[in-house]
Amino acid sequence: MTDPYPTLRAFARGSLHEDFEAEHGTPRAALQAFLAAATPAERRALAREAARLDRRIAGWPVARVRHLLRDDLGCAWWPARASEVRALLDEAISPSPRA
């Protein structure tokens, strides 16, 4: 089976690891750091995968989203609400200009 989220998995494992709060402070800051280091092709791939995952998790309860993050993507972030994940995915799809 082909991995549907290889770039998201790389982001989750490399940026939203157990020390992400000490390293980045917030998931959004971790995403911004990942995007700053990514190639244009990686940024496009992340946006495509984020859009696909956003559609997939629409309407899911937070517990189910958390398990997907941990089990499928290798993410250590444990969001309080599913909307936090969807907001981060939206930011990956259409990043805000960096300050």
N, C-alpha and C. Protein backbone atom coordinates (compact mmCIF):
# COMPACT_ATOMS: atom_id res chain seq x y z
N MET A 1 0.84 -1.18 0.00
CA MET A 1 0.00 0.00 0.00
C MET A 1 0.88 1.25 0.00
N THR A 2 0.56 2.21 -0.82
CA THR A 2 1.30 3.45 -0.92
C THR A 2 0.94 4.37 0.24
N ASP A 3 1.95 5.02 0.78
CA ASP A 3 1.75 5.97 1.87
C ASP A 3 1.05 7.22 1.33
N PRO A 4 -0.15 7.56 1.81
CA PRO A 4 -0.84 8.73 1.28
C PRO A 4 -0.31 10.06 1.83
N TYR A 5 0.52 10.02 2.87
CA TYR A 5 0.97 11.25 3.53
C TYR A 5 2.47 11.26 3.84
N PRO A 6 3.34 10.99 2.89
CA PRO A 6 4.77 10.93 3.22
C PRO A 6 5.36 12.26 3.70
N THR A 7 4.92 13.36 3.12
CA THR A 7 5.46 14.65 3.52
C THR A 7 4.88 15.08 4.86
N LEU A 8 3.60 14.84 5.08
CA LEU A 8 3.01 15.12 6.40
C LEU A 8 3.68 14.28 7.48
N ARG A 9 3.97 13.02 7.15
CA ARG A 9 4.65 12.16 8.13
C ARG A 9 6.04 12.71 8.44
N ALA A 10 6.76 13.15 7.42
CA ALA A 10 8.09 13.74 7.66
C ALA A 10 7.98 14.97 8.55
N PHE A 11 6.98 15.81 8.30
CA PHE A 11 6.76 16.98 9.15
C PHE A 11 6.42 16.57 10.58
N ALA A 12 5.48 15.64 10.72
CA ALA A 12 5.03 15.22 12.06
C ALA A 12 6.18 14.62 12.87
N ARG A 13 6.93 13.73 12.25
CA ARG A 13 8.02 13.07 12.97
C ARG A 13 9.21 13.99 13.20
N GLY A 14 9.48 14.85 12.25
CA GLY A 14 10.65 15.71 12.36
C GLY A 14 10.41 17.02 13.09
N SER A 15 9.15 17.49 13.13
CA SER A 15 8.87 18.79 13.72
C SER A 15 7.90 18.76 14.89
N LEU A 16 6.99 17.80 14.91
CA LEU A 16 6.02 17.69 16.02
C LEU A 16 6.37 16.50 16.91
N HIS A 17 7.64 16.36 17.19
CA HIS A 17 8.16 15.29 18.03
C HIS A 17 7.97 15.65 19.51
N GLU A 18 8.45 14.79 20.39
CA GLU A 18 8.22 14.98 21.83
C GLU A 18 8.84 16.28 22.38
N ASP A 19 9.81 16.86 21.70
CA ASP A 19 10.43 18.09 22.17
C ASP A 19 10.00 19.33 21.36
N PHE A 20 8.91 19.21 20.59
CA PHE A 20 8.56 20.32 19.71
C PHE A 20 8.22 21.60 20.49
N GLU A 21 7.61 21.48 21.67
CA GLU A 21 7.28 22.69 22.42
C GLU A 21 8.53 23.43 22.87
N ALA A 22 9.53 22.69 23.32
CA ALA A 22 10.79 23.32 23.73
C ALA A 22 11.52 23.91 22.52
N GLU A 23 11.43 23.22 21.39
CA GLU A 23 12.15 23.65 20.19
C GLU A 23 11.44 24.76 19.42
N HIS A 24 10.11 24.63 19.30
CA HIS A 24 9.35 25.56 18.46
C HIS A 24 8.31 26.39 19.22
N GLY A 25 7.84 25.90 20.33
CA GLY A 25 6.83 26.60 21.11
C GLY A 25 5.41 26.19 20.76
N THR A 26 5.06 26.24 19.48
CA THR A 26 3.71 25.91 19.05
C THR A 26 3.75 25.04 17.79
N PRO A 27 2.67 24.32 17.53
CA PRO A 27 2.61 23.56 16.27
C PRO A 27 2.74 24.48 15.05
N ARG A 28 2.15 25.66 15.11
CA ARG A 28 2.24 26.59 13.99
C ARG A 28 3.68 27.02 13.75
N ALA A 29 4.43 27.30 14.81
CA ALA A 29 5.84 27.67 14.67
C ALA A 29 6.64 26.50 14.11
N ALA A 30 6.30 25.28 14.52
CA ALA A 30 6.97 24.10 13.97
C ALA A 30 6.70 23.98 12.47
N LEU A 31 5.46 24.24 12.08
CA LEU A 31 5.11 24.21 10.66
C LEU A 31 5.88 25.29 9.90
N GLN A 32 5.94 26.48 10.43
CA GLN A 32 6.66 27.56 9.76
C GLN A 32 8.14 27.22 9.58
N ALA A 33 8.74 26.59 10.59
CA ALA A 33 10.14 26.18 10.48
C ALA A 33 10.30 25.11 9.40
N PHE A 34 9.37 24.17 9.37
CA PHE A 34 9.43 23.12 8.34
C PHE A 34 9.31 23.74 6.95
N LEU A 35 8.35 24.65 6.78
CA LEU A 35 8.15 25.28 5.48
C LEU A 35 9.35 26.11 5.06
N ALA A 36 9.99 26.78 6.01
CA ALA A 36 11.17 27.59 5.70
C ALA A 36 12.32 26.74 5.18
N ALA A 37 12.43 25.51 5.68
CA ALA A 37 13.51 24.62 5.27
C ALA A 37 13.16 23.76 4.06
N ALA A 38 11.88 23.69 3.72
CA ALA A 38 11.41 22.79 2.65
C ALA A 38 11.68 23.39 1.27
N THR A 39 11.83 22.50 0.32
CA THR A 39 11.94 22.92 -1.08
C THR A 39 10.54 23.30 -1.58
N PRO A 40 10.46 24.01 -2.69
CA PRO A 40 9.14 24.30 -3.26
C PRO A 40 8.32 23.03 -3.53
N ALA A 41 8.95 21.99 -4.00
CA ALA A 41 8.24 20.72 -4.26
C ALA A 41 7.72 20.12 -2.96
N GLU A 42 8.51 20.20 -1.88
CA GLU A 42 8.05 19.68 -0.59
C GLU A 42 6.89 20.50 -0.05
N ARG A 43 6.93 21.81 -0.23
CA ARG A 43 5.82 22.66 0.22
C ARG A 43 4.54 22.34 -0.55
N ARG A 44 4.66 22.12 -1.85
CA ARG A 44 3.48 21.76 -2.65
C ARG A 44 2.94 20.40 -2.22
N ALA A 45 3.83 19.44 -1.99
CA ALA A 45 3.40 18.10 -1.56
C ALA A 45 2.71 18.18 -0.20
N LEU A 46 3.27 18.97 0.71
CA LEU A 46 2.65 19.12 2.03
C LEU A 46 1.25 19.72 1.90
N ALA A 47 1.10 20.71 1.05
CA ALA A 47 -0.21 21.34 0.85
C ALA A 47 -1.22 20.34 0.30
N ARG A 48 -0.82 19.54 -0.68
CA ARG A 48 -1.72 18.52 -1.25
C ARG A 48 -2.13 17.50 -0.19
N GLU A 49 -1.16 17.01 0.56
CA GLU A 49 -1.45 16.00 1.58
C GLU A 49 -2.28 16.59 2.71
N ALA A 50 -2.01 17.82 3.09
CA ALA A 50 -2.80 18.48 4.15
C ALA A 50 -4.25 18.62 3.71
N ALA A 51 -4.47 19.00 2.46
CA ALA A 51 -5.84 19.14 1.95
C ALA A 51 -6.55 17.79 1.96
N ARG A 52 -5.84 16.74 1.56
CA ARG A 52 -6.43 15.40 1.56
C ARG A 52 -6.78 14.96 2.98
N LEU A 53 -5.87 15.18 3.93
CA LEU A 53 -6.13 14.78 5.31
C LEU A 53 -7.24 15.63 5.93
N ASP A 54 -7.27 16.91 5.61
CA ASP A 54 -8.32 17.79 6.13
C ASP A 54 -9.70 17.28 5.70
N ARG A 55 -9.83 16.89 4.46
CA ARG A 55 -11.11 16.33 3.99
C ARG A 55 -11.42 15.03 4.72
N ARG A 56 -10.41 14.22 4.95
CA ARG A 56 -10.61 12.92 5.60
C ARG A 56 -11.11 13.05 7.03
N ILE A 57 -10.56 13.99 7.78
CA ILE A 57 -10.89 14.08 9.21
C ILE A 57 -12.07 15.00 9.52
N ALA A 58 -12.64 15.61 8.51
CA ALA A 58 -13.80 16.50 8.74
C ALA A 58 -14.88 15.74 9.50
N GLY A 59 -15.29 16.29 10.62
CA GLY A 59 -16.34 15.68 11.43
C GLY A 59 -15.87 14.63 12.42
N TRP A 60 -14.59 14.30 12.42
CA TRP A 60 -14.08 13.30 13.36
C TRP A 60 -14.00 13.89 14.77
N PRO A 61 -14.21 13.06 15.80
CA PRO A 61 -13.97 13.52 17.17
C PRO A 61 -12.47 13.63 17.42
N VAL A 62 -12.10 14.45 18.38
CA VAL A 62 -10.68 14.69 18.65
C VAL A 62 -9.93 13.41 19.00
N ALA A 63 -10.55 12.49 19.70
CA ALA A 63 -9.84 11.25 20.07
C ALA A 63 -9.40 10.48 18.82
N ARG A 64 -10.25 10.43 17.83
CA ARG A 64 -9.90 9.72 16.59
C ARG A 64 -8.77 10.45 15.84
N VAL A 65 -8.85 11.78 15.83
CA VAL A 65 -7.81 12.57 15.18
C VAL A 65 -6.47 12.37 15.89
N ARG A 66 -6.49 12.38 17.21
CA ARG A 66 -5.25 12.18 17.99
C ARG A 66 -4.60 10.84 17.65
N HIS A 67 -5.42 9.81 17.56
CA HIS A 67 -4.87 8.48 17.26
C HIS A 67 -4.27 8.43 15.86
N LEU A 68 -4.90 9.09 14.91
CA LEU A 68 -4.33 9.16 13.56
C LEU A 68 -2.98 9.88 13.60
N LEU A 69 -2.94 11.00 14.31
CA LEU A 69 -1.68 11.73 14.42
C LEU A 69 -0.58 10.86 15.00
N ARG A 70 -0.88 10.19 16.08
CA ARG A 70 0.13 9.38 16.76
C ARG A 70 0.46 8.11 15.98
N ASP A 71 -0.56 7.35 15.62
CA ASP A 71 -0.34 6.02 15.05
C ASP A 71 0.05 6.05 13.57
N ASP A 72 -0.56 6.93 12.80
CA ASP A 72 -0.30 6.96 11.36
C ASP A 72 0.82 7.92 10.97
N LEU A 73 0.92 9.04 11.69
CA LEU A 73 1.90 10.05 11.30
C LEU A 73 3.11 10.12 12.23
N GLY A 74 3.07 9.46 13.38
CA GLY A 74 4.21 9.49 14.29
C GLY A 74 4.39 10.82 15.00
N CYS A 75 3.29 11.47 15.27
CA CYS A 75 3.27 12.81 15.85
C CYS A 75 3.15 12.73 17.38
N ALA A 76 3.88 13.59 18.08
CA ALA A 76 3.78 13.62 19.54
C ALA A 76 2.81 14.70 20.03
N TRP A 77 2.37 15.57 19.15
CA TRP A 77 1.41 16.62 19.53
C TRP A 77 0.07 15.98 19.87
N TRP A 78 -0.52 16.39 20.98
CA TRP A 78 -1.80 15.86 21.46
C TRP A 78 -2.78 17.03 21.58
N PRO A 79 -3.43 17.42 20.48
CA PRO A 79 -4.28 18.61 20.49
C PRO A 79 -5.51 18.45 21.38
N ALA A 80 -5.98 19.57 21.91
CA ALA A 80 -7.18 19.55 22.75
C ALA A 80 -8.45 19.43 21.92
N ARG A 81 -8.41 19.95 20.70
CA ARG A 81 -9.60 19.94 19.83
C ARG A 81 -9.20 19.57 18.40
N ALA A 82 -10.11 18.91 17.71
CA ALA A 82 -9.87 18.57 16.30
C ALA A 82 -9.71 19.84 15.47
N SER A 83 -10.36 20.91 15.86
CA SER A 83 -10.27 22.17 15.12
C SER A 83 -8.83 22.71 15.10
N GLU A 84 -8.04 22.41 16.12
CA GLU A 84 -6.64 22.83 16.14
C GLU A 84 -5.86 22.16 15.02
N VAL A 85 -6.15 20.90 14.80
CA VAL A 85 -5.48 20.15 13.74
C VAL A 85 -5.92 20.69 12.38
N ARG A 86 -7.21 20.93 12.24
CA ARG A 86 -7.71 21.45 10.96
C ARG A 86 -7.14 22.83 10.67
N ALA A 87 -6.95 23.66 11.70
CA ALA A 87 -6.34 24.98 11.51
C ALA A 87 -4.89 24.85 11.05
N LEU A 88 -4.16 23.89 11.63
CA LEU A 88 -2.77 23.68 11.22
C LEU A 88 -2.71 23.15 9.79
N LEU A 89 -3.63 22.25 9.44
CA LEU A 89 -3.69 21.77 8.06
C LEU A 89 -4.01 22.91 7.10
N ASP A 90 -4.93 23.77 7.50
CA ASP A 90 -5.25 24.94 6.66
C ASP A 90 -4.03 25.82 6.45
N GLU A 91 -3.24 25.99 7.48
CA GLU A 91 -2.01 26.78 7.38
C GLU A 91 -1.01 26.11 6.44
N ALA A 92 -0.96 24.79 6.44
CA ALA A 92 -0.08 24.06 5.53
C ALA A 92 -0.55 24.19 4.08
N ILE A 93 -1.87 24.27 3.91
CA ILE A 93 -2.45 24.39 2.57
C ILE A 93 -2.19 25.78 2.00
N SER A 94 -2.39 26.80 2.82
CA SER A 94 -2.23 28.20 2.41
C SER A 94 -1.45 28.94 3.48
N PRO A 95 -0.12 28.80 3.48
CA PRO A 95 0.68 29.42 4.54
C PRO A 95 0.54 30.95 4.57
N SER A 96 0.52 31.48 5.78
CA SER A 96 0.53 32.93 5.96
C SER A 96 1.93 33.44 5.63
N PRO A 97 2.02 34.66 5.15
CA PRO A 97 3.36 35.23 4.92
C PRO A 97 4.12 35.30 6.23
N ARG A 98 5.41 35.04 6.18
CA ARG A 98 6.23 35.09 7.39
C ARG A 98 6.48 36.54 7.77
N ALA A 99 6.48 36.76 9.07
CA ALA A 99 6.74 38.13 9.56
C ALA A 99 8.22 38.44 9.46
